[in-house]
Amino acid sequence: MSAGRGWRRLAGWLALLAAAALLAAGHGRWWRLPDRHNPFAPLSLEEAPGWLTRYKLARLSAEPAACQAFIDTTPLQAQPQPDRVTGPGCQLSHTLLVRRTQVQVGEPFTLTCRAAASLALWERHVLQPAAQAHFGQPVVRLVHFGSYACRNVYGRAEGARSQHATADALDVAGFVLQGGRRVSVAADWPGDDAASLFLRQVHGGACGLFDGVLGPDYNAAHADHFHLDRGPYRLCR
């Protein structure tokens, strides 16, 4: 769906909701629009993702204070970092040093606030439910290859800068379950066992909360990890 059609659809929904509120007021009572269907209500970690979630996530990109306020409601242990230019075409703007999410992360990583917001929602509503469904136990550790790196796409000498160059991306290599089992993208993506089905579910679920989601089916460069980023393009492979 194009951006223009998306905004027209949203405007249509808002018009219908406004008409419903006026109708309720005309009958002598005010109808309160549920936050889930209210585009002006703050993003909530506990609220299951819905038709307005992507809009609310996009709004956080332009509202750093609101983004930080959301992060403060999550389990993330993350410290705001100063904005700075780190190289040609590379910069850190509204970033956080993430020491822990809902789970252990090992080496801390730097991530933009907006990407961290998507990560928190993904863990809460996609990752942990999938782990319970397939293994009957939660994920306790996220295994990653890092986030920020001042480099071009694929590390090439020439070409466009990667989303990693602005800390807008995180590479996830696998997960450790409460019982100690390790699920690896490199080893467990092929097949149809519980580990493979789990990985495909968490990959697919990320597509609704991040902009770019790349995995082993995209190309050989992503054979051992999921690339999760926040823009500027929508791609789920």
C-alpha atoms as a PDB file:
ATOM      1  CA  MET A   1       0.000   0.000   0.000  1.00  0.00           C
ATOM      2  CA  SER A   2       1.348   3.416  -0.949  1.00  0.00           C
ATOM      3  CA  ALA A   3       1.890   6.092   1.681  1.00  0.00           C
ATOM      4  CA  GLY A   4      -0.874   8.216   0.113  1.00  0.00           C
ATOM      5  CA  ARG A   5      -3.408   5.395   0.248  1.00  0.00           C
ATOM      6  CA  GLY A   6      -2.367   4.584   3.803  1.00  0.00           C
ATOM      7  CA  TRP A   7      -2.983   8.136   4.990  1.00  0.00           C
ATOM      8  CA  ARG A   8      -6.328   8.286   3.147  1.00  0.00           C
ATOM      9  CA  ARG A   9      -7.379   5.073   4.823  1.00  0.00           C
ATOM     10  CA  LEU A  10      -6.388   6.439   8.216  1.00  0.00           C
ATOM     11  CA  ALA A  11      -8.283   9.669   7.558  1.00  0.00           C
ATOM     12  CA  GLY A  12     -11.360   7.642   6.644  1.00  0.00           C
ATOM     13  CA  TRP A  13     -11.197   5.670   9.879  1.00  0.00           C
ATOM     14  CA  LEU A  14     -10.785   8.858  11.889  1.00  0.00           C
ATOM     15  CA  ALA A  15     -13.832  10.373  10.215  1.00  0.00           C
ATOM     16  CA  LEU A  16     -15.901   7.303  11.100  1.00  0.00           C
ATOM     17  CA  LEU A  17     -14.698   7.369  14.704  1.00  0.00           C
ATOM     18  CA  ALA A  18     -15.478  11.071  15.000  1.00  0.00           C
ATOM     19  CA  ALA A  19     -18.991  10.455  13.664  1.00  0.00           C
ATOM     20  CA  ALA A  20     -19.506   7.681  16.219  1.00  0.00           C
ATOM     21  CA  ALA A  21     -18.388   9.981  19.041  1.00  0.00           C
ATOM     22  CA  LEU A  22     -20.784  12.710  17.891  1.00  0.00           C
ATOM     23  CA  LEU A  23     -23.626  10.222  17.669  1.00  0.00           C
ATOM     24  CA  ALA A  24     -22.965   9.026  21.206  1.00  0.00           C
ATOM     25  CA  ALA A  25     -22.805  12.627  22.457  1.00  0.00           C
ATOM     26  CA  GLY A  26     -26.130  13.341  20.776  1.00  0.00           C
ATOM     27  CA  HIS A  27     -27.693  10.607  22.894  1.00  0.00           C
ATOM     28  CA  GLY A  28     -26.519  12.299  26.079  1.00  0.00           C
ATOM     29  CA  ARG A  29     -23.378  10.301  26.785  1.00  0.00           C
ATOM     30  CA  TRP A  30     -19.765  10.586  25.730  1.00  0.00           C
ATOM     31  CA  TRP A  31     -18.108   7.594  24.157  1.00  0.00           C
ATOM     32  CA  ARG A  32     -14.404   7.217  24.971  1.00  0.00           C
ATOM     33  CA  LEU A  33     -12.349   5.958  22.065  1.00  0.00           C
ATOM     34  CA  PRO A  34     -10.243   2.953  23.201  1.00  0.00           C
ATOM     35  CA  ASP A  35      -6.510   3.701  23.158  1.00  0.00           C
ATOM     36  CA  ARG A  36      -6.012   0.782  20.772  1.00  0.00           C
ATOM     37  CA  HIS A  37      -8.020   2.686  18.154  1.00  0.00           C
ATOM     38  CA  ASN A  38      -6.925   6.195  19.141  1.00  0.00           C
ATOM     39  CA  PRO A  39      -4.051   7.508  17.009  1.00  0.00           C
ATOM     40  CA  PHE A  40      -3.339  10.214  19.577  1.00  0.00           C
ATOM     41  CA  ALA A  41      -2.993   7.827  22.534  1.00  0.00           C
ATOM     42  CA  PRO A  42       0.591   6.935  23.517  1.00  0.00           C
ATOM     43  CA  LEU A  43       2.082   3.677  22.323  1.00  0.00           C
ATOM     44  CA  SER A  44       1.698   0.972  24.975  1.00  0.00           C
ATOM     45  CA  LEU A  45       3.956  -2.040  25.487  1.00  0.00           C
ATOM     46  CA  GLU A  46       1.151  -4.133  26.947  1.00  0.00           C
ATOM     47  CA  GLU A  47      -1.278  -3.421  24.123  1.00  0.00           C
ATOM     48  CA  ALA A  48      -1.205  -6.057  21.395  1.00  0.00           C
ATOM     49  CA  PRO A  49      -0.046  -4.601  18.061  1.00  0.00           C
ATOM     50  CA  GLY A  50      -2.905  -3.475  15.865  1.00  0.00           C
ATOM     51  CA  TRP A  51      -3.742  -1.365  12.850  1.00  0.00           C
ATOM     52  CA  LEU A  52      -2.356   1.831  14.435  1.00  0.00           C
ATOM     53  CA  THR A  53       0.865   0.388  15.845  1.00  0.00           C
ATOM     54  CA  ARG A  54       3.006   1.188  12.820  1.00  0.00           C
ATOM     55  CA  TYR A  55       1.633   4.736  12.741  1.00  0.00           C
ATOM     56  CA  LYS A  56       2.439   5.213  16.437  1.00  0.00           C
ATOM     57  CA  LEU A  57       5.938   3.814  15.934  1.00  0.00           C
ATOM     58  CA  ALA A  58       6.506   6.215  13.045  1.00  0.00           C
ATOM     59  CA  ARG A  59       5.342   9.100  15.216  1.00  0.00           C
ATOM     60  CA  LEU A  60       8.029   8.263  17.787  1.00  0.00           C
ATOM     61  CA  SER A  61      10.660   8.977  15.132  1.00  0.00           C
ATOM     62  CA  ALA A  62       9.670  12.654  15.164  1.00  0.00           C
ATOM     63  CA  GLU A  63       9.048  12.863  18.912  1.00  0.00           C
ATOM     64  CA  PRO A  64      12.211  11.920  20.857  1.00  0.00           C
ATOM     65  CA  ALA A  65      10.666  12.759  24.236  1.00  0.00           C
ATOM     66  CA  ALA A  66       7.676  10.518  23.543  1.00  0.00           C
ATOM     67  CA  CYS A  67      10.003   7.742  22.391  1.00  0.00           C
ATOM     68  CA  GLN A  68      12.028   7.954  25.596  1.00  0.00           C
ATOM     69  CA  ALA A  69       8.812   8.011  27.638  1.00  0.00           C
ATOM     70  CA  PHE A  70       7.771   4.765  25.948  1.00  0.00           C
ATOM     71  CA  ILE A  71      11.166   3.153  26.564  1.00  0.00           C
ATOM     72  CA  ASP A  72      10.842   4.071  30.244  1.00  0.00           C
ATOM     73  CA  THR A  73       7.745   1.832  30.434  1.00  0.00           C
ATOM     74  CA  THR A  74       9.602  -1.201  29.064  1.00  0.00           C
ATOM     75  CA  PRO A  75      12.070  -3.630  30.700  1.00  0.00           C
ATOM     76  CA  LEU A  76      14.913  -2.166  28.631  1.00  0.00           C
ATOM     77  CA  GLN A  77      17.935  -1.038  30.603  1.00  0.00           C
ATOM     78  CA  ALA A  78      19.099   1.653  28.220  1.00  0.00           C
ATOM     79  CA  GLN A  79      21.067   4.840  28.684  1.00  0.00           C
ATOM     80  CA  PRO A  80      20.565   7.820  26.315  1.00  0.00           C
ATOM     81  CA  GLN A  81      23.687   8.699  24.347  1.00  0.00           C
ATOM     82  CA  PRO A  82      24.805  12.143  23.111  1.00  0.00           C
ATOM     83  CA  ASP A  83      24.113  12.970  19.476  1.00  0.00           C
ATOM     84  CA  ARG A  84      27.240  13.110  17.356  1.00  0.00           C
ATOM     85  CA  VAL A  85      28.570  12.670  13.830  1.00  0.00           C
ATOM     86  CA  THR A  86      30.806   9.606  13.736  1.00  0.00           C
ATOM     87  CA  GLY A  87      32.070   9.709  10.153  1.00  0.00           C
ATOM     88  CA  PRO A  88      31.060  10.582   6.581  1.00  0.00           C
ATOM     89  CA  GLY A  89      27.392   9.623   6.326  1.00  0.00           C
ATOM     90  CA  CYS A  90      27.454   8.137   9.821  1.00  0.00           C
ATOM     91  CA  GLN A  91      25.891   9.590  12.935  1.00  0.00           C
ATOM     92  CA  LEU A  92      24.213   8.812  16.230  1.00  0.00           C
ATOM     93  CA  SER A  93      20.960  10.684  16.830  1.00  0.00           C
ATOM     94  CA  HIS A  94      18.528   9.897  19.657  1.00  0.00           C
ATOM     95  CA  THR A  95      20.327   6.659  20.471  1.00  0.00           C
ATOM     96  CA  LEU A  96      20.436   4.428  23.532  1.00  0.00           C
ATOM     97  CA  LEU A  97      23.140   2.168  24.923  1.00  0.00           C
ATOM     98  CA  VAL A  98      21.144  -1.009  25.549  1.00  0.00           C
ATOM     99  CA  ARG A  99      22.537  -3.186  28.337  1.00  0.00           C
ATOM    100  CA  ARG A 100      19.514  -5.439  28.676  1.00  0.00           C
ATOM    101  CA  THR A 101      16.128  -5.791  27.033  1.00  0.00           C
ATOM    102  CA  GLN A 102      13.450  -8.107  28.406  1.00  0.00           C
ATOM    103  CA  VAL A 103      16.285 -10.626  28.292  1.00  0.00           C
ATOM    104  CA  GLN A 104      20.056 -10.687  28.614  1.00  0.00           C
ATOM    105  CA  VAL A 105      21.934  -9.381  25.577  1.00  0.00           C
ATOM    106  CA  GLY A 106      25.578 -10.043  26.382  1.00  0.00           C
ATOM    107  CA  GLU A 107      27.621  -7.222  24.875  1.00  0.00           C
ATOM    108  CA  PRO A 108      25.697  -3.907  25.127  1.00  0.00           C
ATOM    109  CA  PHE A 109      24.743  -2.315  21.826  1.00  0.00           C
ATOM    110  CA  THR A 110      23.810   1.158  20.612  1.00  0.00           C
ATOM    111  CA  LEU A 111      20.408   1.500  18.971  1.00  0.00           C
ATOM    112  CA  THR A 112      18.181   4.405  18.002  1.00  0.00           C
ATOM    113  CA  CYS A 113      15.268   4.959  20.326  1.00  0.00           C
ATOM    114  CA  ARG A 114      12.774   4.173  17.579  1.00  0.00           C
ATOM    115  CA  ALA A 115      14.464   0.859  16.765  1.00  0.00           C
ATOM    116  CA  ALA A 116      14.609   0.030  20.474  1.00  0.00           C
ATOM    117  CA  ALA A 117      10.854   0.670  20.686  1.00  0.00           C
ATOM    118  CA  SER A 118      10.247  -1.855  17.898  1.00  0.00           C
ATOM    119  CA  LEU A 119      12.578  -4.318  19.624  1.00  0.00           C
ATOM    120  CA  ALA A 120      10.661  -4.048  22.900  1.00  0.00           C
ATOM    121  CA  LEU A 121       7.321  -4.675  21.181  1.00  0.00           C
ATOM    122  CA  TRP A 122       8.759  -7.574  19.175  1.00  0.00           C
ATOM    123  CA  GLU A 123      10.116  -9.306  22.268  1.00  0.00           C
ATOM    124  CA  ARG A 124       6.884  -8.827  24.202  1.00  0.00           C
ATOM    125  CA  HIS A 125       4.344  -9.748  21.518  1.00  0.00           C
ATOM    126  CA  VAL A 126       6.239 -11.978  19.074  1.00  0.00           C
ATOM    127  CA  LEU A 127       9.395 -13.535  20.505  1.00  0.00           C
ATOM    128  CA  GLN A 128       8.218 -14.695  23.919  1.00  0.00           C
ATOM    129  CA  PRO A 129       4.796 -15.987  22.795  1.00  0.00           C
ATOM    130  CA  ALA A 130       6.524 -17.952  20.008  1.00  0.00           C
ATOM    131  CA  ALA A 131       9.011 -19.448  22.481  1.00  0.00           C
ATOM    132  CA  GLN A 132       6.195 -20.541  24.774  1.00  0.00           C
ATOM    133  CA  ALA A 133       4.238 -21.994  21.875  1.00  0.00           C
ATOM    134  CA  HIS A 134       7.109 -24.044  20.458  1.00  0.00           C
ATOM    135  CA  PHE A 135       9.194 -24.871  23.537  1.00  0.00           C
ATOM    136  CA  GLY A 136       7.010 -24.204  26.570  1.00  0.00           C
ATOM    137  CA  GLN A 137       9.625 -21.876  28.047  1.00  0.00           C
ATOM    138  CA  PRO A 138      10.790 -18.304  27.549  1.00  0.00           C
ATOM    139  CA  VAL A 139      13.832 -16.868  25.836  1.00  0.00           C
ATOM    140  CA  VAL A 140      16.328 -15.589  28.408  1.00  0.00           C
ATOM    141  CA  ARG A 141      19.106 -14.327  26.157  1.00  0.00           C
ATOM    142  CA  LEU A 142      19.361 -12.621  22.785  1.00  0.00           C
ATOM    143  CA  VAL A 143      22.472 -13.523  20.769  1.00  0.00           C
ATOM    144  CA  HIS A 144      23.431 -10.679  18.442  1.00  0.00           C
ATOM    145  CA  PHE A 145      26.151  -9.535  16.048  1.00  0.00           C
ATOM    146  CA  GLY A 146      25.849  -5.881  17.039  1.00  0.00           C
ATOM    147  CA  SER A 147      24.088  -2.782  15.823  1.00  0.00           C
ATOM    148  CA  TYR A 148      26.088   0.369  15.088  1.00  0.00           C
ATOM    149  CA  ALA A 149      28.877   0.251  12.500  1.00  0.00           C
ATOM    150  CA  CYS A 150      29.989   3.132  10.277  1.00  0.00           C
ATOM    151  CA  ARG A 151      30.004   1.181   7.013  1.00  0.00           C
ATOM    152  CA  ASN A 152      28.323   0.738   3.670  1.00  0.00           C
ATOM    153  CA  VAL A 153      25.787  -1.972   2.875  1.00  0.00           C
ATOM    154  CA  TYR A 154      27.546  -5.369   3.062  1.00  0.00           C
ATOM    155  CA  GLY A 155      30.732  -3.558   4.058  1.00  0.00           C
ATOM    156  CA  ARG A 156      31.497  -2.646   0.454  1.00  0.00           C
ATOM    157  CA  ALA A 157      34.061   0.010  -0.334  1.00  0.00           C
ATOM    158  CA  GLU A 158      31.487   1.975  -2.336  1.00  0.00           C
ATOM    159  CA  GLY A 159      27.730   2.326  -2.261  1.00  0.00           C
ATOM    160  CA  ALA A 160      24.987   3.395   0.119  1.00  0.00           C
ATOM    161  CA  ARG A 161      25.488   3.547   3.833  1.00  0.00           C
ATOM    162  CA  SER A 162      23.979   0.713   5.841  1.00  0.00           C
ATOM    163  CA  GLN A 163      21.241   1.304   8.404  1.00  0.00           C
ATOM    164  CA  HIS A 164      23.897   0.173  10.856  1.00  0.00           C
ATOM    165  CA  ALA A 165      25.725   3.448  10.141  1.00  0.00           C
ATOM    166  CA  THR A 166      23.037   5.313  12.082  1.00  0.00           C
ATOM    167  CA  ALA A 167      22.412   2.590  14.706  1.00  0.00           C
ATOM    168  CA  ASP A 168      18.989   1.962  13.183  1.00  0.00           C
ATOM    169  CA  ALA A 169      19.592  -1.778  12.807  1.00  0.00           C
ATOM    170  CA  LEU A 170      20.334  -4.826  14.933  1.00  0.00           C
ATOM    171  CA  ASP A 171      21.608  -8.213  13.720  1.00  0.00           C
ATOM    172  CA  VAL A 172      20.133 -11.105  15.721  1.00  0.00           C
ATOM    173  CA  ALA A 173      21.972 -14.438  15.463  1.00  0.00           C
ATOM    174  CA  GLY A 174      19.958 -16.589  17.842  1.00  0.00           C
ATOM    175  CA  PHE A 175      18.358 -17.129  21.214  1.00  0.00           C
ATOM    176  CA  VAL A 176      18.980 -19.011  24.451  1.00  0.00           C
ATOM    177  CA  LEU A 177      15.995 -20.602  26.185  1.00  0.00           C
ATOM    178  CA  GLN A 178      15.425 -20.830  29.919  1.00  0.00           C
ATOM    179  CA  GLY A 179      16.437 -24.492  29.931  1.00  0.00           C
ATOM    180  CA  GLY A 180      19.747 -23.695  28.247  1.00  0.00           C
ATOM    181  CA  ARG A 181      18.908 -24.713  24.695  1.00  0.00           C
ATOM    182  CA  ARG A 182      20.370 -22.430  22.042  1.00  0.00           C
ATOM    183  CA  VAL A 183      18.427 -21.747  18.850  1.00  0.00           C
ATOM    184  CA  SER A 184      20.656 -20.482  16.045  1.00  0.00           C
ATOM    185  CA  VAL A 185      19.604 -18.843  12.797  1.00  0.00           C
ATOM    186  CA  ALA A 186      22.583 -20.415  11.020  1.00  0.00           C
ATOM    187  CA  ALA A 187      21.922 -23.956  12.249  1.00  0.00           C
ATOM    188  CA  ASP A 188      18.166 -24.101  12.775  1.00  0.00           C
ATOM    189  CA  TRP A 189      16.570 -22.071   9.957  1.00  0.00           C
ATOM    190  CA  PRO A 190      16.399 -25.035   7.522  1.00  0.00           C
ATOM    191  CA  GLY A 191      13.912 -27.801   8.224  1.00  0.00           C
ATOM    192  CA  ASP A 192      10.495 -28.047   9.818  1.00  0.00           C
ATOM    193  CA  ASP A 193      11.206 -28.910  13.445  1.00  0.00           C
ATOM    194  CA  ALA A 194      10.238 -26.748  16.427  1.00  0.00           C
ATOM    195  CA  ALA A 195      13.376 -24.596  16.212  1.00  0.00           C
ATOM    196  CA  SER A 196      12.876 -23.847  12.533  1.00  0.00           C
ATOM    197  CA  LEU A 197       9.179 -23.064  12.960  1.00  0.00           C
ATOM    198  CA  PHE A 198      10.009 -20.814  15.898  1.00  0.00           C
ATOM    199  CA  LEU A 199      12.583 -18.868  13.887  1.00  0.00           C
ATOM    200  CA  ARG A 200      10.186 -18.406  10.983  1.00  0.00           C
ATOM    201  CA  GLN A 201       7.483 -17.158  13.326  1.00  0.00           C
ATOM    202  CA  VAL A 202       9.709 -14.580  15.016  1.00  0.00           C
ATOM    203  CA  HIS A 203      11.101 -13.475  11.640  1.00  0.00           C
ATOM    204  CA  GLY A 204       7.620 -13.032  10.173  1.00  0.00           C
ATOM    205  CA  GLY A 205       6.359 -11.273  13.298  1.00  0.00           C
ATOM    206  CA  ALA A 206       9.206  -8.771  13.119  1.00  0.00           C
ATOM    207  CA  CYS A 207       7.944  -7.589   9.733  1.00  0.00           C
ATOM    208  CA  GLY A 208       4.978  -5.865  11.345  1.00  0.00           C
ATOM    209  CA  LEU A 209       7.126  -3.908  13.792  1.00  0.00           C
ATOM    210  CA  PHE A 210      10.320  -3.134  11.878  1.00  0.00           C
ATOM    211  CA  ASP A 211      10.717  -1.689   8.379  1.00  0.00           C
ATOM    212  CA  GLY A 212      13.484  -3.914   7.048  1.00  0.00           C
ATOM    213  CA  VAL A 213      13.604  -7.584   8.090  1.00  0.00           C
ATOM    214  CA  LEU A 214      16.124  -9.777   6.286  1.00  0.00           C
ATOM    215  CA  GLY A 215      17.030 -13.400   6.930  1.00  0.00           C
ATOM    216  CA  PRO A 216      18.526 -16.507   5.314  1.00  0.00           C
ATOM    217  CA  ASP A 217      15.981 -16.534   2.489  1.00  0.00           C
ATOM    218  CA  TYR A 218      17.122 -13.080   1.379  1.00  0.00           C
ATOM    219  CA  ASN A 219      20.741 -13.828   0.477  1.00  0.00           C
ATOM    220  CA  ALA A 220      23.885 -15.594   1.659  1.00  0.00           C
ATOM    221  CA  ALA A 221      25.036 -12.535   3.612  1.00  0.00           C
ATOM    222  CA  HIS A 222      22.106 -13.082   6.004  1.00  0.00           C
ATOM    223  CA  ALA A 223      22.436 -16.855   6.296  1.00  0.00           C
ATOM    224  CA  ASP A 224      23.372 -16.648   9.975  1.00  0.00           C
ATOM    225  CA  HIS A 225      21.260 -13.783  11.325  1.00  0.00           C
ATOM    226  CA  PHE A 226      18.150 -11.645  11.104  1.00  0.00           C
ATOM    227  CA  HIS A 227      18.735  -8.036  10.149  1.00  0.00           C
ATOM    228  CA  LEU A 228      16.097  -5.839  11.836  1.00  0.00           C
ATOM    229  CA  ASP A 229      15.986  -2.144  10.954  1.00  0.00           C
ATOM    230  CA  ARG A 230      13.802   0.957  11.095  1.00  0.00           C
ATOM    231  CA  GLY A 231      13.687   2.383   7.612  1.00  0.00           C
ATOM    232  CA  PRO A 232      13.718   3.983   5.267  1.00  0.00           C
ATOM    233  CA  TYR A 233      12.308   1.132   3.124  1.00  0.00           C
ATOM    234  CA  ARG A 234       9.819  -1.649   3.808  1.00  0.00           C
ATOM    235  CA  LEU A 235      11.218  -5.083   3.023  1.00  0.00           C
ATOM    236  CA  CYS A 236      10.416  -8.471   4.562  1.00  0.00           C
ATOM    237  CA  ARG A 237      12.491 -11.340   3.207  1.00  0.00           C
END
